Amino acid sequence: MPLDDGKRKRGYVKAWRCTLEWWGFTNPRLAHFWEYCRLKASRQARDVLFNGEKIHLEPGQFVFGRNVAAAETGLSPQQIRTCLKHLSAGTSPETTIRSTKRYSVVTLVNWNGYQVKGDESNQDINHDPTMSQPCPNHVPTTDKNVKKKKNEKNEKKTTTGVLIPPELDTKQFRELWPDWLADRRQRRHPVTERAQEMQLKKLASWGEPAAIMAIQTSIEHGWQGLFPPAETTPPAKPDSQDWADRKLREAREYRD
C-alpha cells in the first residue's frame, strides 16, 4: 500500500518478528483480526466520543463493534466473534473485552510489552524500528533456539487453517490430527472445514487424552466418526432377520 505524507502522520505500531512463532499466526483469520486489533488500539490514554458519550481509553484499548469490525476486516460477524473468543481464552489471554449496553471496549493485555521502547541504534538503514529486536521478556536468540522454534512452527503448519482449541494444542494432538484428516481423504470422505470445527469442539469437551484415544481408535477400525473412548464400537444397525424372528415368537406366545 503506497504511503503518502497524510497517511504517515497517522503513525505506526511495532511488529516483533517473534509473532511468526505465536500460536495463532498459522490461522489466517485469527492473525488478520489480531493485526486489526493492534492497529486499532490507542497509543496513549485519551478520551473519545462515541454516539455522543465520552469514553476514556487507556493505552492498548479501543472501542469495538462487531459489525463495524466485520466491515473493516472483511470477516463475517460470526468469524469476528470466534476470533475474539480464542484471543480471550486460556490462562494468558491476548485480549479482554468489557461490554455495556451501548458499546464494548477491547483491551490488548500486553500492549505495553508490544510497544515498549527499545534501542533502535542498531537498525538497518530504511528498516522498520524494532523488527530485529527480541520480544519483551523473550530469551535472546541463538542458533539452537532458532532451530527449535522453526521445528515448532512447522509442527503447527501440519494442521489446516482451522484453529485447534487450547485444550488440545499439544504436540501429540497436532501430529495426530492431520493423520485423521488424511485417513478420511483416503476413504473418500474428506472432513470439511465446518465439520473440523465441530469435531474439534467435541473433542475438546472430552479432554486431550480421550480425544487422542478416540482418533486412534477410529483410524484403526476405519470409522468415519469420532466416538468417546467408553463407546468401543459405533452404534450398531439392527439385524432385520433377528428382529423378524423375535416378533414371530412374540406373536406365537400371544396366541398360546
Protein backbone atom coordinates (compact mmCIF):
# COMPACT_ATOMS: atom_id res chain seq x y z
CA MET A 1 0.00 0.00 0.00
CA PRO A 2 1.56 3.36 -1.01
CA LEU A 3 2.04 5.75 1.90
CA ASP A 4 1.65 9.46 1.32
CA ASP A 5 2.57 12.08 3.91
CA GLY A 6 -1.01 12.25 5.18
CA LYS A 7 -1.14 8.52 5.94
CA ARG A 8 2.28 8.54 7.57
CA LYS A 9 1.11 11.15 10.05
CA ARG A 10 -1.32 8.59 11.50
CA GLY A 11 1.69 6.76 12.96
CA TYR A 12 2.65 3.09 13.13
CA VAL A 13 2.81 0.17 15.55
CA LYS A 14 5.81 -2.03 16.22
CA ALA A 15 5.79 -5.57 14.90
CA TRP A 16 8.03 -8.12 16.61
CA ARG A 17 9.48 -10.90 14.49
CA CYS A 18 8.59 -13.46 17.15
CA THR A 19 4.98 -13.01 16.03
CA LEU A 20 5.90 -15.69 13.50
CA GLU A 21 6.14 -18.10 16.46
CA TRP A 22 2.81 -17.02 18.00
CA TRP A 23 0.31 -19.87 18.39
CA GLY A 24 -2.37 -18.08 16.32
CA PHE A 25 -0.17 -16.99 13.41
CA THR A 26 -0.91 -20.06 11.26
CA ASN A 27 -4.65 -19.30 11.34
CA PRO A 28 -5.24 -16.67 8.62
CA ARG A 29 -8.45 -15.25 10.08
CA LEU A 30 -7.11 -15.03 13.60
CA ALA A 31 -3.80 -13.47 12.52
CA HIS A 32 -5.67 -10.93 10.37
CA PHE A 33 -8.02 -9.97 13.19
CA TRP A 34 -5.13 -9.72 15.68
CA GLU A 35 -3.35 -7.28 13.37
CA TYR A 36 -6.58 -5.29 13.12
CA CYS A 37 -6.76 -5.06 16.93
CA ARG A 38 -3.15 -3.86 17.15
CA LEU A 39 -3.77 -1.16 14.58
CA LYS A 40 -6.99 -0.02 16.26
CA ALA A 41 -5.56 0.16 19.79
CA SER A 42 -4.98 3.58 21.30
CA ARG A 43 -1.29 4.54 21.59
CA GLN A 44 -1.81 6.63 24.73
CA ALA A 45 -4.50 7.44 27.28
CA ARG A 46 -7.19 9.62 25.72
CA ASP A 47 -10.91 10.37 25.64
CA VAL A 48 -13.01 9.57 22.58
CA LEU A 49 -16.58 10.48 21.69
CA PHE A 50 -18.87 7.57 20.76
CA ASN A 51 -22.55 8.18 19.99
CA GLY A 52 -22.41 11.37 22.00
CA GLU A 53 -20.80 9.70 25.02
CA LYS A 54 -17.25 10.37 26.19
CA ILE A 55 -15.25 7.18 26.74
CA HIS A 56 -11.84 7.10 28.40
CA LEU A 57 -9.32 4.75 26.77
CA GLU A 58 -6.06 3.56 28.25
CA PRO A 59 -3.10 2.59 26.02
CA GLY A 60 -3.92 -0.65 24.18
CA GLN A 61 -7.70 -0.14 24.24
CA PHE A 62 -10.23 0.69 21.52
CA VAL A 63 -14.00 0.97 21.18
CA PHE A 64 -15.28 -2.16 19.48
CA GLY A 65 -18.36 -3.06 17.47
CA ARG A 66 -18.70 -6.46 15.82
CA ASN A 67 -20.48 -5.22 12.69
CA VAL A 68 -18.04 -2.35 12.22
CA ALA A 69 -15.10 -4.72 12.69
CA ALA A 70 -16.61 -7.10 10.12
CA ALA A 71 -16.91 -4.27 7.58
CA GLU A 72 -13.35 -3.08 8.21
CA THR A 73 -11.70 -6.53 8.15
CA GLY A 74 -13.77 -8.38 5.55
CA LEU A 75 -14.60 -11.10 8.08
CA SER A 76 -18.14 -12.08 8.99
CA PRO A 77 -19.60 -11.07 12.39
CA GLN A 78 -19.54 -14.75 13.42
CA GLN A 79 -15.87 -15.06 12.47
CA ILE A 80 -15.12 -11.89 14.45
CA ARG A 81 -16.87 -13.40 17.47
CA THR A 82 -14.90 -16.65 17.14
CA CYS A 83 -11.58 -14.78 16.88
CA LEU A 84 -12.36 -12.75 20.00
CA LYS A 85 -13.30 -15.92 21.85
CA HIS A 86 -9.94 -17.54 21.04
CA LEU A 87 -7.94 -14.40 21.86
CA SER A 88 -9.69 -14.07 25.23
CA ALA A 89 -9.45 -17.76 26.20
CA GLY A 90 -6.96 -19.53 28.42
CA THR A 91 -4.93 -18.50 31.44
CA SER A 92 -2.88 -16.00 29.41
CA PRO A 93 -5.39 -14.23 27.13
CA GLU A 94 -4.24 -11.85 24.42
CA THR A 95 -7.30 -9.61 24.84
CA THR A 96 -10.10 -8.83 27.26
CA ILE A 97 -13.42 -7.20 26.43
CA ARG A 98 -15.66 -5.03 28.60
CA SER A 99 -19.20 -4.63 27.31
CA THR A 100 -22.03 -2.26 28.22
CA LYS A 101 -25.48 -1.82 26.73
CA ARG A 102 -24.13 0.90 24.44
CA TYR A 103 -20.59 -0.14 23.49
CA SER A 104 -17.66 -2.50 24.12
CA VAL A 105 -14.02 -1.79 24.85
CA VAL A 106 -11.33 -4.29 23.82
CA THR A 107 -8.04 -4.30 25.73
CA LEU A 108 -4.78 -5.78 24.41
CA VAL A 109 -3.42 -7.31 27.60
CA ASN A 110 0.30 -6.96 26.90
CA TRP A 111 0.16 -3.69 24.93
CA ASN A 112 2.99 -2.01 26.84
CA GLY A 113 5.19 -5.04 26.18
CA TYR A 114 4.45 -4.99 22.44
CA GLN A 115 5.18 -1.28 22.09
CA VAL A 116 7.97 -0.87 24.64
CA LYS A 117 10.71 1.47 23.50
CA GLY A 118 13.95 -0.31 22.68
CA ASP A 119 17.42 0.53 21.42
CA GLU A 120 16.96 1.43 17.77
CA SER A 121 20.58 2.39 17.14
CA ASN A 122 21.48 -0.98 15.63
CA GLN A 123 18.74 -0.98 13.00
CA ASP A 124 19.47 -1.40 9.31
CA ILE A 125 19.03 1.66 7.13
CA ASN A 126 15.41 2.07 5.96
CA HIS A 127 14.44 -0.81 8.27
CA ASP A 128 11.30 -0.58 10.40
CA PRO A 129 12.24 0.07 14.05
CA THR A 130 12.35 -2.91 16.44
CA MET A 131 11.85 -5.55 13.74
CA SER A 132 15.08 -7.34 14.68
CA GLN A 133 14.69 -6.89 18.43
CA PRO A 134 13.62 -9.80 20.63
CA CYS A 135 10.11 -9.76 22.05
CA PRO A 136 9.59 -8.32 25.54
CA ASN A 137 10.81 -10.82 28.13
CA HIS A 138 11.97 -13.02 25.23
CA VAL A 139 15.03 -15.28 25.55
CA PRO A 140 17.87 -13.97 23.32
CA THR A 141 18.00 -15.86 20.05
CA THR A 142 20.68 -18.48 19.46
CA ASP A 143 21.09 -20.92 16.59
CA LYS A 144 19.72 -23.67 18.83
CA ASN A 145 16.68 -21.61 19.78
CA VAL A 146 16.02 -20.68 16.15
CA LYS A 147 16.11 -24.33 15.09
CA LYS A 148 13.78 -25.32 17.93
CA LYS A 149 11.30 -22.55 17.11
CA LYS A 150 11.33 -23.44 13.41
CA ASN A 151 10.50 -27.05 14.26
CA GLU A 152 7.61 -25.96 16.48
CA LYS A 153 6.34 -23.68 13.73
CA ASN A 154 6.47 -26.49 11.18
CA GLU A 155 4.55 -28.75 13.55
CA LYS A 156 1.73 -26.22 13.76
CA LYS A 157 1.74 -25.89 9.96
CA THR A 158 0.80 -29.54 9.61
CA THR A 159 -2.70 -28.59 10.71
CA THR A 160 -5.24 -26.94 8.44
CA GLY A 161 -6.45 -23.37 8.69
CA VAL A 162 -8.90 -24.45 11.40
CA LEU A 163 -7.69 -23.36 14.82
CA ILE A 164 -7.03 -26.14 17.33
CA PRO A 165 -8.64 -25.33 20.72
CA PRO A 166 -6.21 -24.57 23.58
CA GLU A 167 -7.37 -27.73 25.40
CA LEU A 168 -5.99 -29.84 22.52
CA ASP A 169 -2.99 -27.75 21.49
CA THR A 170 -0.29 -30.29 22.35
CA LYS A 171 2.48 -31.74 20.19
CA GLN A 172 0.92 -35.22 20.19
CA PHE A 173 -2.51 -33.98 19.13
CA ARG A 174 -1.12 -31.65 16.44
CA GLU A 175 0.72 -34.63 14.94
CA LEU A 176 -2.34 -36.92 15.11
CA TRP A 177 -4.97 -34.53 13.76
CA PRO A 178 -3.54 -34.39 10.20
CA ASP A 179 -3.40 -38.22 10.23
CA TRP A 180 -7.14 -38.30 10.92
CA LEU A 181 -7.87 -35.85 8.08
CA ALA A 182 -5.62 -37.82 5.70
CA ASP A 183 -7.35 -41.08 6.65
CA ARG A 184 -10.74 -39.58 5.85
CA ARG A 185 -9.47 -38.30 2.49
CA GLN A 186 -8.12 -41.74 1.58
CA ARG A 187 -11.55 -43.23 2.32
CA ARG A 188 -13.11 -40.57 0.04
CA HIS A 189 -14.94 -38.92 2.90
CA PRO A 190 -12.92 -35.73 3.48
CA VAL A 191 -13.75 -33.58 6.51
CA THR A 192 -14.96 -30.10 5.60
CA GLU A 193 -13.69 -27.04 7.45
CA ARG A 194 -17.01 -26.64 9.25
CA ALA A 195 -17.01 -30.34 10.22
CA GLN A 196 -13.45 -29.97 11.55
CA GLU A 197 -14.54 -27.09 13.79
CA MET A 198 -17.44 -29.18 15.14
CA GLN A 199 -15.25 -32.25 15.70
CA LEU A 200 -12.56 -30.23 17.47
CA LYS A 201 -15.16 -28.65 19.72
CA LYS A 202 -16.49 -32.09 20.63
CA LEU A 203 -13.01 -33.49 21.20
CA ALA A 204 -12.06 -30.52 23.38
CA SER A 205 -15.02 -31.26 25.66
CA TRP A 206 -13.63 -34.80 26.21
CA GLY A 207 -10.11 -33.63 27.06
CA GLU A 208 -6.83 -34.23 25.24
CA PRO A 209 -6.14 -37.86 26.36
CA ALA A 210 -9.66 -39.05 25.44
CA ALA A 211 -9.56 -37.12 22.15
CA ILE A 212 -6.31 -38.81 21.12
CA MET A 213 -7.68 -42.24 22.02
CA ALA A 214 -10.88 -41.59 20.06
CA ILE A 215 -8.99 -40.58 16.90
CA GLN A 216 -6.59 -43.54 17.11
CA THR A 217 -9.50 -45.97 17.58
CA SER A 218 -11.47 -44.53 14.64
CA ILE A 219 -8.44 -44.73 12.32
CA GLU A 220 -7.71 -48.31 13.42
CA HIS A 221 -11.28 -49.51 12.79
CA GLY A 222 -11.88 -47.41 9.68
CA TRP A 223 -14.76 -45.49 11.25
CA GLN A 224 -15.96 -42.25 9.70
CA GLY A 225 -16.97 -40.69 13.02
CA LEU A 226 -15.33 -39.98 16.36
CA PHE A 227 -16.74 -41.66 19.47
CA PRO A 228 -15.97 -41.29 23.19
CA PRO A 229 -13.47 -43.90 24.41
CA ALA A 230 -16.21 -45.52 26.53
CA GLU A 231 -18.03 -46.44 23.31
CA THR A 232 -15.80 -49.15 21.90
CA THR A 233 -17.92 -49.50 18.75
CA PRO A 234 -20.20 -47.14 16.86
CA PRO A 235 -23.96 -47.65 17.20
CA ALA A 236 -24.78 -51.00 15.58
CA LYS A 237 -27.51 -51.38 12.97
CA PRO A 238 -30.34 -53.76 13.99
CA ASP A 239 -30.33 -57.18 12.35
CA SER A 240 -33.56 -57.34 10.34
CA GLN A 241 -33.72 -61.19 10.46
CA ASP A 242 -33.27 -61.31 14.25
CA TRP A 243 -35.95 -58.66 14.62
CA ALA A 244 -38.40 -60.62 12.43
CA ASP A 245 -37.75 -63.89 14.34
CA ARG A 246 -38.30 -62.15 17.65
CA LYS A 247 -41.59 -60.64 16.52
CA LEU A 248 -42.75 -64.04 15.24
CA ARG A 249 -42.01 -65.69 18.61
CA GLU A 250 -43.88 -62.93 20.44
CA ALA A 251 -46.93 -63.44 18.17
CA ARG A 252 -46.96 -67.21 18.80
CA GLU A 253 -46.71 -66.73 22.56
CA TYR A 254 -49.58 -64.27 22.43
CA ARG A 255 -51.85 -66.81 20.57
CA ASP A 256 -50.98 -69.58 23.04
